Amino acid sequence: MKSDADTGADSVPTAPSAPSEEMRALVEEYGLLMERLGHSRAEGRLLGWLLLCEPPEQSMMDISRALNISKGALSVGLRRLVDHGLVERRRKPGERHDSFRFDAASIGGLMENVFAGMALMERLLARSRELPGQQKNERLLTMHALYARLTEEMPVLLERWRTDVRREIQADLKQED
C-alpha cells in the first residue's frame, strides 16, 4: 500500500508546536522592537511567531494559543501585517477559517516601498535646501546628505540581495541536509 508521500497526496497537517521558553523570549523581543519602530507590540509578536513557528502556516486559533493574545489584538495585528504584505492570508478549498503565514517573497517589495519613501524625503530635503538662508543649515545639510546616500545605495543593495539570496539560502539548506 502506498503512503501519502508516495502518491503525492497532501499529508495531514501537523499540529502547531508549543513555543519553547527561548522562542517565547525571542517573540517578545520582536514585539518590543516593532513597538520601538512605531508599530504595535502585537504586530511584532505576530511577525516573530510567523517567522519561527512550525508548521509555517497557522490559524488564528493556533496563533492565539501560542502567543496568549486577545482576539482583537490578533485580528488587528494580522490585518496590518497582511496590508503591509508581510503576511499572507490563505483559505484552502473546503476550509471555513483562514490561515496565515509569513510571506518571504514580499520582503523585496516592502523594501522597495521603504526606498520610495526615502527618495521622496531626499527630494523634499533637496527642495528645502533651495529656500533662502538654508544653504548653510547644518541640520538640513546633514539629513539631506544621509538620504541622498541612502537613495543612491539602497537600490543597489536590494538588487544584490535579490541575486545573491536565492543562491545563499539554497547553499545553507544543502548544508543542513
Protein backbone atom coordinates (compact mmCIF):
# COMPACT_ATOMS: atom_id res chain seq x y z
CA MET A 1 0.00 0.00 0.00
CA LYS A 2 1.33 3.44 -0.94
CA SER A 3 1.69 6.21 1.60
CA ASP A 4 0.53 9.80 1.02
CA ALA A 5 4.14 10.72 0.26
CA ASP A 6 4.29 8.03 -2.42
CA THR A 7 1.05 9.15 -4.06
CA GLY A 8 1.85 12.85 -3.85
CA ALA A 9 -1.27 13.49 -1.77
CA ASP A 10 -1.16 16.16 0.86
CA SER A 11 -0.28 14.78 4.24
CA VAL A 12 -2.29 15.59 7.32
CA PRO A 13 -1.09 18.92 8.67
CA THR A 14 0.98 18.68 11.80
CA ALA A 15 -0.31 20.29 14.94
CA PRO A 16 1.46 23.54 15.77
CA SER A 17 4.19 23.13 18.30
CA ALA A 18 4.05 24.99 21.59
CA PRO A 19 6.75 27.63 21.75
CA SER A 20 9.78 26.94 23.90
CA GLU A 21 10.79 29.49 26.51
CA GLU A 22 13.62 30.63 24.24
CA MET A 23 11.19 31.09 21.35
CA ARG A 24 8.75 32.97 23.59
CA ALA A 25 11.55 35.31 24.63
CA LEU A 26 12.53 35.96 21.01
CA VAL A 27 8.90 36.58 20.03
CA GLU A 28 8.68 39.14 22.84
CA GLU A 29 11.84 40.83 21.55
CA TYR A 30 10.25 41.10 18.10
CA GLY A 31 7.28 42.75 19.80
CA LEU A 32 9.45 45.24 21.66
CA LEU A 33 11.46 46.07 18.54
CA MET A 34 8.37 46.66 16.41
CA GLU A 35 6.89 48.79 19.18
CA ARG A 36 10.07 50.87 19.21
CA LEU A 37 9.73 51.28 15.42
CA GLY A 38 6.21 52.69 15.77
CA HIS A 39 4.13 49.55 15.30
CA SER A 40 2.13 47.69 17.91
CA ARG A 41 3.81 45.17 20.13
CA ALA A 42 1.22 42.62 18.99
CA GLU A 43 2.29 43.10 15.36
CA GLY A 44 5.88 42.43 16.34
CA ARG A 45 4.96 39.34 18.32
CA LEU A 46 2.88 38.06 15.40
CA LEU A 47 5.69 38.70 12.96
CA GLY A 48 8.20 36.95 15.22
CA TRP A 49 5.90 33.98 15.69
CA LEU A 50 5.17 33.59 11.98
CA LEU A 51 8.90 33.72 11.23
CA LEU A 52 9.72 30.97 13.76
CA CYS A 53 6.68 28.69 14.10
CA GLU A 54 6.19 25.15 12.84
CA PRO A 55 4.25 24.49 10.78
CA PRO A 56 4.77 27.81 8.98
CA GLU A 57 1.04 28.20 8.25
CA GLN A 58 -1.09 28.89 11.34
CA SER A 59 -4.77 29.53 12.06
CA MET A 60 -5.88 32.41 14.25
CA MET A 61 -6.64 29.87 16.97
CA ASP A 62 -3.14 28.39 16.69
CA ILE A 63 -1.57 31.83 16.97
CA SER A 64 -3.84 32.88 19.83
CA ARG A 65 -2.91 29.77 21.81
CA ALA A 66 0.80 30.15 21.16
CA LEU A 67 1.00 33.85 21.99
CA ASN A 68 -1.81 34.19 24.53
CA ILE A 69 -3.00 37.25 22.63
CA SER A 70 -6.51 38.73 22.64
CA LYS A 71 -8.73 38.14 19.62
CA GLY A 72 -8.94 41.89 18.96
CA ALA A 73 -5.18 42.49 19.03
CA LEU A 74 -4.67 39.36 16.95
CA SER A 75 -7.19 40.41 14.31
CA VAL A 76 -5.87 43.98 14.03
CA GLY A 77 -2.23 42.88 14.03
CA LEU A 78 -2.75 40.24 11.37
CA ARG A 79 -4.75 42.64 9.20
CA ARG A 80 -1.97 45.23 9.38
CA LEU A 81 0.72 42.65 8.57
CA VAL A 82 -1.37 41.40 5.64
CA ASP A 83 -1.90 45.01 4.46
CA HIS A 84 1.87 45.62 4.63
CA GLY A 85 2.43 42.47 2.60
CA LEU A 86 4.47 40.69 5.25
CA VAL A 87 1.88 38.03 5.98
CA GLU A 88 -0.21 36.07 3.55
CA ARG A 89 -3.81 35.12 4.35
CA ARG A 90 -4.93 31.81 2.84
CA ARG A 91 -8.05 29.70 2.82
CA LYS A 92 -7.86 26.22 1.41
CA PRO A 93 -10.87 24.88 -0.50
CA GLY A 94 -13.39 23.37 1.87
CA GLU A 95 -11.97 25.09 4.97
CA ARG A 96 -14.01 27.58 6.97
CA HIS A 97 -11.14 29.53 8.50
CA ASP A 98 -8.21 31.47 7.16
CA SER A 99 -4.64 30.59 7.93
CA PHE A 100 -1.65 32.89 7.95
CA ARG A 101 2.00 32.58 7.02
CA PHE A 102 4.97 34.88 6.71
CA ASP A 103 5.37 35.85 3.06
CA ALA A 104 9.12 35.72 2.42
CA ALA A 105 8.60 36.76 -1.21
CA SER A 106 7.24 40.13 -0.06
CA ILE A 107 10.45 41.41 1.51
CA GLY A 108 11.83 42.87 -1.73
CA GLY A 109 8.61 44.74 -2.46
CA LEU A 110 8.41 46.01 1.10
CA MET A 111 11.94 47.35 0.84
CA GLU A 112 11.12 49.00 -2.50
CA ASN A 113 8.32 50.88 -0.72
CA VAL A 114 10.73 51.92 2.03
CA PHE A 115 13.19 53.16 -0.60
CA ALA A 116 10.44 55.06 -2.41
CA GLY A 117 9.70 56.85 0.87
CA MET A 118 13.40 57.63 1.28
CA ALA A 119 13.53 59.03 -2.26
CA LEU A 120 10.56 61.28 -1.52
CA MET A 121 12.30 62.52 1.63
CA GLU A 122 15.52 63.15 -0.30
CA ARG A 123 13.64 65.26 -2.88
CA LEU A 124 11.87 67.21 -0.15
CA LEU A 125 15.17 67.85 1.61
CA ALA A 126 16.75 68.98 -1.69
CA ARG A 127 13.88 71.43 -2.25
CA SER A 128 14.24 72.67 1.32
CA ARG A 129 17.90 73.47 0.69
CA GLU A 130 16.80 75.85 -2.08
CA LEU A 131 14.94 78.11 0.36
CA PRO A 132 16.68 81.38 1.13
CA GLY A 133 19.03 81.04 4.10
CA GLN A 134 19.01 77.24 4.12
CA GLN A 135 22.26 76.66 2.21
CA LYS A 136 24.24 76.68 5.50
CA ASN A 137 21.69 74.91 7.69
CA GLU A 138 23.82 72.11 9.16
CA ARG A 139 20.81 70.07 10.29
CA LEU A 140 19.30 70.16 6.81
CA LEU A 141 22.61 69.51 5.05
CA THR A 142 23.34 66.52 7.31
CA MET A 143 19.94 64.98 6.82
CA HIS A 144 19.99 65.58 3.07
CA ALA A 145 23.45 64.00 2.78
CA LEU A 146 22.18 60.88 4.57
CA TYR A 147 19.06 60.50 2.44
CA ALA A 148 20.97 61.22 -0.78
CA ARG A 149 23.40 58.42 0.10
CA LEU A 150 20.60 56.05 1.07
CA THR A 151 18.62 56.62 -2.11
CA GLU A 152 21.78 56.10 -4.15
CA GLU A 153 23.00 52.92 -2.47
CA MET A 154 19.93 51.10 -1.16
CA PRO A 155 18.53 50.04 -4.57
CA VAL A 156 21.96 48.60 -5.42
CA LEU A 157 21.96 46.64 -2.16
CA LEU A 158 18.44 45.40 -2.81
CA GLU A 159 19.36 44.18 -6.28
CA ARG A 160 22.47 42.47 -4.94
CA TRP A 161 20.37 40.87 -2.23
CA ARG A 162 17.86 39.62 -4.81
CA THR A 163 20.55 37.99 -6.92
CA ASP A 164 22.52 36.52 -4.00
CA VAL A 165 19.79 35.46 -1.58
CA ARG A 166 18.46 32.50 -3.53
CA ARG A 167 21.92 31.06 -4.00
CA GLU A 168 22.88 31.62 -0.36
CA ILE A 169 19.67 30.14 1.01
CA GLN A 170 19.97 27.08 -1.21
CA ALA A 171 23.57 26.60 -0.07
CA ASP A 172 22.51 26.92 3.59
CA LEU A 173 19.68 24.44 3.13
CA LYS A 174 22.01 21.92 1.45
CA GLN A 175 24.44 22.18 4.39
CA GLU A 176 21.64 21.24 6.80
CA ASP A 177 20.85 18.00 4.89
